[in-house]
């Protein structure tokens, strides 16, 4: 009996050592602002614009997470309020705010898919900059991997201001204001359901071509989808990883 007990204990320790940070699918998050800490991420349901819809609902759920790699999904249906974003279900990377000039890389990989009817939505990284580590956001940098059903970015001119290729993907750059916040949106010329590269390249492009200051603090790195309207939508992230080094 003693030998069996020792063997069982050793097997338990071995299993724990192999998958120390792995969590698997659990009940979905369906409250308007509900969130949960998952590995190196915070998973947000974030239905911040739901009042813009005539009716609708959304839930966000974890499929698996292991450290800096997460798989997750969001299901939603929104009707009415055409042209208004209803929500931003997303996975936000947890890190201490850093100045851009102190960041050496922001490597990422994202594989995703979408199903549903009459979808108007984008799929995007959403990142924020401030003059101080704990200050209000002054710049929003978005990287759209898809603009579905005619979804469009914030723009001051109604047209893109430049075109560039980053991570092997061609992007149109759009510029505009959201209140006092300057928004730069890199919108993929064609849908990119798989993307890997260094997000720092987008910031360095803005430093070289739009006068962005490298002394600004990077405060948030999020990745998710912004639904406008549609029904029976299911957004699935099969793999997402990011690190801020």
Protein backbone atom coordinates (compact mmCIF):
# COMPACT_ATOMS: atom_id res chain seq x y z
CA UNK A 1 0.00 0.00 0.00
CA UNK A 2 2.84 2.38 0.84
CA UNK A 3 4.43 1.80 -2.59
CA UNK A 4 1.14 2.55 -4.36
CA UNK A 5 0.71 5.76 -2.37
CA UNK A 6 4.23 6.91 -3.21
CA UNK A 7 3.74 6.11 -6.91
CA UNK A 8 0.44 8.04 -6.99
CA UNK A 9 2.11 11.03 -5.35
CA UNK A 10 4.97 10.98 -7.86
CA UNK A 11 2.55 10.76 -10.79
CA UNK A 12 0.65 13.76 -9.45
CA UNK A 13 3.83 15.79 -9.15
CA UNK A 14 4.95 14.78 -12.65
CA UNK A 15 1.60 15.78 -14.17
CA UNK A 16 1.68 19.14 -12.41
CA UNK A 17 5.20 19.76 -13.68
CA UNK A 18 4.21 19.06 -17.30
CA UNK A 19 1.21 21.43 -17.44
CA UNK A 20 1.67 23.94 -14.62
CA UNK A 21 -0.17 26.88 -16.23
CA UNK A 22 -2.77 25.18 -18.42
CA UNK A 23 -6.45 25.93 -17.92
CA UNK A 24 -9.25 24.64 -20.11
CA UNK A 25 -12.75 25.67 -21.20
CA UNK A 26 -15.16 26.81 -18.49
CA UNK A 27 -18.50 28.65 -18.31
CA UNK A 28 -18.75 31.67 -20.61
CA UNK A 29 -18.71 35.28 -19.40
CA UNK A 30 -21.98 37.00 -20.32
CA UNK A 31 -22.22 40.10 -18.11
CA UNK A 32 -21.72 43.46 -19.79
CA UNK A 33 -18.31 44.17 -18.23
CA UNK A 34 -17.40 40.79 -16.74
CA UNK A 35 -13.76 39.69 -16.98
CA UNK A 36 -11.44 36.94 -15.75
CA UNK A 37 -7.69 36.56 -15.30
CA UNK A 38 -6.36 33.77 -17.53
CA UNK A 39 -2.62 33.07 -17.55
CA UNK A 40 -0.84 36.17 -18.87
CA UNK A 41 -4.15 37.69 -20.03
CA UNK A 42 -7.37 39.27 -18.88
CA UNK A 43 -10.32 37.96 -20.88
CA UNK A 44 -13.01 40.64 -21.28
CA UNK A 45 -16.61 40.32 -22.49
CA UNK A 46 -16.82 44.15 -22.61
CA UNK A 47 -20.20 44.88 -24.22
CA UNK A 48 -19.64 48.59 -23.66
CA UNK A 49 -21.88 49.79 -26.52
CA UNK A 50 -24.79 47.40 -26.06
CA UNK A 51 -27.21 50.30 -25.45
CA UNK A 52 -26.66 51.34 -29.08
CA UNK A 53 -28.46 48.17 -30.22
CA UNK A 54 -32.19 47.59 -30.50
CA UNK A 55 -31.56 44.13 -29.11
CA UNK A 56 -28.78 41.61 -28.80
CA UNK A 57 -26.48 39.69 -26.52
CA UNK A 58 -22.90 38.51 -26.23
CA UNK A 59 -20.86 35.98 -24.29
CA UNK A 60 -17.09 35.38 -24.22
CA UNK A 61 -15.38 32.20 -23.11
CA UNK A 62 -12.01 30.58 -22.51
CA UNK A 63 -11.04 27.48 -24.46
CA UNK A 64 -7.51 27.06 -23.09
CA UNK A 65 -4.55 29.04 -21.83
CA UNK A 66 -0.93 28.24 -21.10
CA UNK A 67 1.14 31.25 -20.01
CA UNK A 68 1.40 33.67 -22.95
CA UNK A 69 -0.77 31.60 -25.33
CA UNK A 70 -4.57 31.62 -25.17
CA UNK A 71 -7.50 30.19 -27.13
CA UNK A 72 -10.92 31.75 -26.68
CA UNK A 73 -14.23 32.53 -28.36
CA UNK A 74 -17.08 35.04 -28.40
CA UNK A 75 -20.67 34.53 -29.54
CA UNK A 76 -22.95 37.45 -30.28
CA UNK A 77 -25.99 38.84 -32.09
CA UNK A 78 -26.65 42.58 -32.39
CA UNK A 79 -29.51 44.27 -34.24
CA UNK A 80 -29.99 47.99 -34.86
CA UNK A 81 -27.69 50.92 -34.29
CA UNK A 82 -26.03 50.50 -37.68
CA UNK A 83 -22.60 52.11 -37.74
CA UNK A 84 -22.12 51.85 -33.96
CA UNK A 85 -19.74 49.43 -32.28
CA UNK A 86 -21.56 47.35 -29.66
CA UNK A 87 -18.69 45.68 -27.87
CA UNK A 88 -15.07 44.57 -27.84
CA UNK A 89 -14.62 41.03 -26.53
CA UNK A 90 -10.86 40.69 -26.19
CA UNK A 91 -7.82 39.18 -24.54
CA UNK A 92 -5.64 41.84 -22.91
CA UNK A 93 -1.99 41.07 -22.21
CA UNK A 94 -0.91 41.79 -18.64
CA UNK A 95 2.32 43.77 -18.30
CA UNK A 96 3.78 46.84 -16.61
CA UNK A 97 3.58 50.03 -18.67
CA UNK A 98 6.81 50.74 -20.58
CA UNK A 99 8.08 53.58 -22.75
CA UNK A 100 8.31 52.63 -26.40
CA UNK A 101 12.04 53.27 -26.44
CA UNK A 102 12.50 50.66 -23.70
CA UNK A 103 10.62 47.95 -25.60
CA UNK A 104 12.85 45.67 -27.69
CA UNK A 105 10.11 43.53 -29.25
CA UNK A 106 6.39 42.71 -29.17
CA UNK A 107 6.25 39.34 -30.89
CA UNK A 108 2.80 37.96 -31.61
CA UNK A 109 0.89 35.19 -33.36
CA UNK A 110 -2.87 35.20 -33.95
CA UNK A 111 -5.05 32.67 -35.76
CA UNK A 112 -8.81 33.27 -35.83
CA UNK A 113 -12.04 32.52 -37.70
CA UNK A 114 -15.57 33.94 -37.92
CA UNK A 115 -19.00 32.50 -38.72
CA UNK A 116 -22.43 34.15 -38.71
CA UNK A 117 -24.96 36.02 -40.84
CA UNK A 118 -24.74 39.57 -42.21
CA UNK A 119 -21.67 40.32 -40.12
CA UNK A 120 -20.37 43.85 -39.80
CA UNK A 121 -17.33 43.72 -37.54
CA UNK A 122 -13.59 44.14 -37.37
CA UNK A 123 -10.85 41.93 -35.94
CA UNK A 124 -8.11 44.02 -34.42
CA UNK A 125 -5.25 44.58 -32.04
CA UNK A 126 -6.04 47.62 -29.89
CA UNK A 127 -3.13 49.36 -28.14
CA UNK A 128 -2.91 52.57 -26.13
CA UNK A 129 -0.20 55.11 -25.35
CA UNK A 130 0.07 57.78 -22.67
CA UNK A 131 2.53 60.42 -21.51
CA UNK A 132 2.75 58.68 -18.13
CA UNK A 133 2.61 55.09 -16.92
CA UNK A 134 -0.76 55.57 -15.22
CA UNK A 135 -2.17 58.44 -17.31
CA UNK A 136 -5.19 58.62 -19.59
CA UNK A 137 -4.79 57.26 -23.10
CA UNK A 138 -3.67 59.90 -25.61
CA UNK A 139 -3.06 57.65 -28.60
CA UNK A 140 -4.88 54.56 -29.81
CA UNK A 141 -3.07 52.29 -32.27
CA UNK A 142 -5.26 49.69 -33.97
CA UNK A 143 -4.16 46.92 -36.31
CA UNK A 144 -7.17 45.59 -38.22
CA UNK A 145 -6.68 42.09 -39.60
CA UNK A 146 -10.19 42.19 -41.07
CA UNK A 147 -12.93 44.70 -41.87
CA UNK A 148 -16.06 42.62 -42.41
CA UNK A 149 -19.29 43.79 -44.02
CA UNK A 150 -18.15 47.34 -44.63
CA UNK A 151 -16.78 48.12 -41.16
CA UNK A 152 -14.48 51.12 -41.29
CA UNK A 153 -11.96 52.86 -39.01
CA UNK A 154 -12.03 56.35 -37.52
CA UNK A 155 -10.87 58.86 -40.13
CA UNK A 156 -10.50 62.63 -40.31
CA UNK A 157 -10.34 62.71 -44.10
CA UNK A 158 -12.42 59.75 -45.28
CA UNK A 159 -9.43 58.17 -46.96
CA UNK A 160 -6.24 56.41 -45.92
CA UNK A 161 -3.11 58.49 -45.49
CA UNK A 162 -0.48 55.86 -46.39
CA UNK A 163 0.13 52.22 -47.29
CA UNK A 164 2.77 49.95 -45.81
CA UNK A 165 3.62 46.26 -45.47
CA UNK A 166 4.32 44.81 -42.01
CA UNK A 167 4.61 41.15 -41.08
CA UNK A 168 4.05 40.22 -44.71
CA UNK A 169 0.62 41.92 -44.77
CA UNK A 170 -0.27 45.10 -46.70
CA UNK A 171 -2.00 47.74 -44.58
CA UNK A 172 -3.70 51.05 -45.32
CA UNK A 173 -3.07 53.60 -42.56
CA UNK A 174 -6.00 55.74 -41.39
CA UNK A 175 -5.80 58.71 -39.02
CA UNK A 176 -8.53 60.39 -36.98
CA UNK A 177 -9.69 61.64 -33.60
CA UNK A 178 -11.82 59.99 -30.94
CA UNK A 179 -12.51 62.98 -28.69
CA UNK A 180 -9.07 64.23 -27.66
CA UNK A 181 -7.38 60.93 -28.47
CA UNK A 182 -5.42 60.51 -31.69
CA UNK A 183 -6.27 57.22 -33.42
CA UNK A 184 -4.08 55.47 -35.98
CA UNK A 185 -5.63 52.41 -37.65
CA UNK A 186 -3.66 50.00 -39.82
CA UNK A 187 -6.30 48.17 -41.89
CA UNK A 188 -5.26 45.03 -43.78
CA UNK A 189 -5.88 45.34 -47.52
CA UNK A 190 -7.26 41.79 -47.48
CA UNK A 191 -8.45 39.59 -44.62
CA UNK A 192 -5.59 38.04 -42.62
CA UNK A 193 -6.88 35.11 -40.55
CA UNK A 194 -3.32 34.23 -39.59
CA UNK A 195 -0.80 36.87 -38.55
CA UNK A 196 2.61 36.66 -36.94
CA UNK A 197 5.20 39.36 -36.51
CA UNK A 198 6.45 42.11 -34.24
CA UNK A 199 3.86 44.71 -33.20
CA UNK A 200 6.71 47.10 -32.41
CA UNK A 201 7.10 47.55 -36.19
CA UNK A 202 3.80 49.46 -36.30
CA UNK A 203 4.95 51.90 -33.64
CA UNK A 204 8.33 52.39 -35.28
CA UNK A 205 6.57 53.12 -38.58
CA UNK A 206 4.54 55.84 -36.84
CA UNK A 207 7.67 57.25 -35.21
CA UNK A 208 9.39 57.51 -38.59
CA UNK A 209 6.42 58.71 -40.65
CA UNK A 210 3.88 60.36 -38.31
CA UNK A 211 6.06 61.92 -35.61
CA UNK A 212 5.01 59.57 -32.81
CA UNK A 213 7.24 60.05 -29.76
CA UNK A 214 9.20 57.04 -28.49
CA UNK A 215 9.03 58.47 -24.94
CA UNK A 216 5.31 57.62 -24.75
CA UNK A 217 4.23 54.80 -22.44
CA UNK A 218 2.68 51.66 -23.87
CA UNK A 219 -0.12 50.92 -21.39
CA UNK A 220 -2.42 48.36 -23.08
CA UNK A 221 -2.16 45.59 -25.65
CA UNK A 222 -5.50 43.96 -26.46
CA UNK A 223 -6.71 41.72 -29.28
CA UNK A 224 -10.32 40.98 -30.15
CA UNK A 225 -13.28 41.86 -32.33
CA UNK A 226 -15.55 44.90 -32.56
CA UNK A 227 -19.08 43.85 -33.61
CA UNK A 228 -21.41 46.37 -35.25
CA UNK A 229 -24.35 44.21 -36.36
CA UNK A 230 -25.06 40.60 -37.32
CA UNK A 231 -26.66 37.43 -36.03
CA UNK A 232 -25.49 34.02 -34.88
CA UNK A 233 -21.89 35.20 -34.85
CA UNK A 234 -19.12 33.08 -33.42
CA UNK A 235 -15.61 34.51 -33.29
CA UNK A 236 -12.96 31.90 -32.51
CA UNK A 237 -9.33 32.55 -31.65
CA UNK A 238 -7.63 29.18 -32.02
CA UNK A 239 -4.21 30.59 -31.05
CA UNK A 240 -3.13 33.96 -29.71
CA UNK A 241 0.18 34.86 -28.13
CA UNK A 242 2.02 38.08 -27.42
CA UNK A 243 4.97 39.23 -25.33
CA UNK A 244 6.24 42.71 -24.54
CA UNK A 245 10.00 42.43 -24.02
